[in-house]
Protein backbone atom coordinates (compact mmCIF):
# COMPACT_ATOMS: atom_id res chain seq x y z
CA MET A 1 -19.79 -8.10 4.87
CA ILE A 2 -18.56 -10.46 2.16
CA LEU A 3 -18.38 -8.91 -1.30
CA SER A 4 -15.51 -10.97 -2.65
CA GLY A 5 -15.51 -10.88 -6.45
CA ALA A 6 -18.44 -8.41 -6.59
CA ASN A 7 -18.90 -6.00 -9.49
CA LEU A 8 -19.59 -2.57 -7.96
CA TYR A 9 -18.80 -0.54 -11.08
CA LYS A 10 -19.50 3.17 -10.42
CA ALA A 11 -21.43 2.44 -7.19
CA ASP A 12 -21.92 5.36 -4.81
CA GLN A 13 -21.09 4.21 -1.29
CA GLY A 14 -19.83 7.49 0.16
CA ARG A 15 -19.62 7.64 3.98
CA SER A 16 -20.07 3.86 4.28
CA ASN A 17 -18.83 1.88 7.26
CA LEU A 18 -16.96 -1.10 5.79
CA ARG A 19 -15.74 -2.67 9.02
CA SER A 20 -14.64 -6.32 8.70
CA SER A 21 -15.51 -6.47 4.99
CA ASN A 22 -14.02 -8.80 2.39
CA LEU A 23 -13.83 -7.18 -1.05
CA GLN A 24 -10.99 -9.35 -2.33
CA ASN A 25 -10.87 -9.49 -6.13
CA ALA A 26 -13.88 -7.13 -6.46
CA PHE A 27 -14.28 -4.80 -9.45
CA LEU A 28 -14.68 -1.29 -8.07
CA GLN A 29 -13.73 0.88 -11.03
CA GLY A 30 -15.33 4.32 -10.74
CA THR A 31 -16.81 3.56 -7.30
CA ASN A 32 -17.25 6.42 -4.82
CA LEU A 33 -16.27 5.59 -1.25
CA SER A 34 -15.35 9.11 -0.19
CA GLU A 35 -15.32 9.63 3.58
CA ALA A 36 -15.94 5.91 4.23
CA VAL A 37 -14.48 4.16 7.27
CA PHE A 38 -12.18 1.20 6.55
CA ARG A 39 -11.31 -1.11 9.44
CA GLU A 40 -10.19 -4.71 9.07
CA ILE A 41 -11.01 -4.73 5.35
CA ASN A 42 -9.55 -6.88 2.58
CA LEU A 43 -9.16 -5.06 -0.73
CA SER A 44 -6.37 -7.24 -2.08
CA LEU A 45 -6.37 -7.98 -5.81
CA VAL A 46 -9.12 -5.42 -6.50
CA THR A 47 -9.45 -3.12 -9.49
CA LEU A 48 -9.72 0.38 -8.04
CA SER A 49 -8.89 2.46 -11.07
CA GLU A 50 -10.76 5.78 -11.26
CA PHE A 51 -11.80 5.11 -7.65
CA ASN A 52 -12.68 7.91 -5.22
CA LEU A 53 -11.32 7.34 -1.71
CA GLN A 54 -10.91 11.01 -0.82
CA GLY A 55 -10.91 11.54 2.94
CA VAL A 56 -11.30 7.83 3.79
CA VAL A 57 -10.35 6.90 7.33
CA VAL A 58 -8.23 3.73 7.42
CA SER A 59 -8.05 2.74 11.06
CA ASP A 60 -6.24 -0.60 10.99
CA ARG A 61 -5.56 -3.80 9.07
CA VAL A 62 -6.53 -2.74 5.57
CA ASP A 63 -5.07 -4.95 2.86
CA LEU A 64 -4.49 -3.19 -0.47
CA SER A 65 -1.78 -5.59 -1.58
CA SER A 66 -1.64 -6.13 -5.34
CA ALA A 67 -4.54 -3.69 -5.82
CA ASN A 68 -4.68 -1.67 -9.03
CA LEU A 69 -5.04 1.94 -7.83
CA SER A 70 -4.22 3.54 -11.20
CA GLY A 71 -5.83 6.94 -11.50
CA ALA A 72 -7.62 6.60 -8.14
CA ASN A 73 -8.24 9.64 -5.94
CA LEU A 74 -6.53 8.94 -2.60
CA SER A 75 -6.20 12.56 -1.53
CA GLN A 76 -6.38 13.20 2.21
CA ILE A 77 -6.50 9.46 2.94
CA ASN A 78 -4.89 8.05 6.06
CA LEU A 79 -2.94 4.92 5.06
CA ARG A 80 -0.89 4.50 8.25
CA TYR A 81 -1.98 0.91 8.79
CA ALA A 82 -2.54 -0.20 5.20
CA ASN A 83 -0.66 -2.97 3.39
CA LEU A 84 0.27 -1.57 -0.04
CA GLY A 85 2.65 -4.37 -1.04
CA TYR A 86 2.80 -4.68 -4.85
CA ALA A 87 -0.04 -2.15 -5.29
CA ILE A 88 -0.08 -0.28 -8.61
CA LEU A 89 -0.12 3.48 -8.00
CA HIS A 90 0.30 4.73 -11.59
CA GLN A 91 -1.16 8.27 -11.89
CA THR A 92 -2.83 7.92 -8.49
CA TYR A 93 -3.78 11.25 -6.89
CA LEU A 94 -2.11 11.33 -3.44
CA MET A 95 -2.42 14.99 -2.37
CA GLU A 96 -2.10 15.21 1.44
CA ALA A 97 -2.20 11.40 1.87
CA ASP A 98 -0.74 10.15 5.17
CA PHE A 99 1.74 7.28 4.78
CA GLN A 100 3.30 7.60 8.23
CA GLY A 101 4.24 4.17 9.57
CA ILE A 102 4.24 2.29 6.25
């Protein structure tokens, strides 16, 4: 799925399967993707502030480099295989997040 540059402000996409998706430079502020499955997804350069990713399963090759995750809910997320290079994590909620292997 190619959603590069898309404006998904406050969209509700909970439990979505986003395998092989390109969301580079998308505007996802306030979007709900709780319990979604991320595999081979590009979220680099996105605006994810106030974003709900609670319980998301990140299986492999997820690019969050340079993403703005300020104020996002990343509780219980598995980020073992994610690229978080230069990501902004200011006031990001990370309760029980799994960073093993980063």
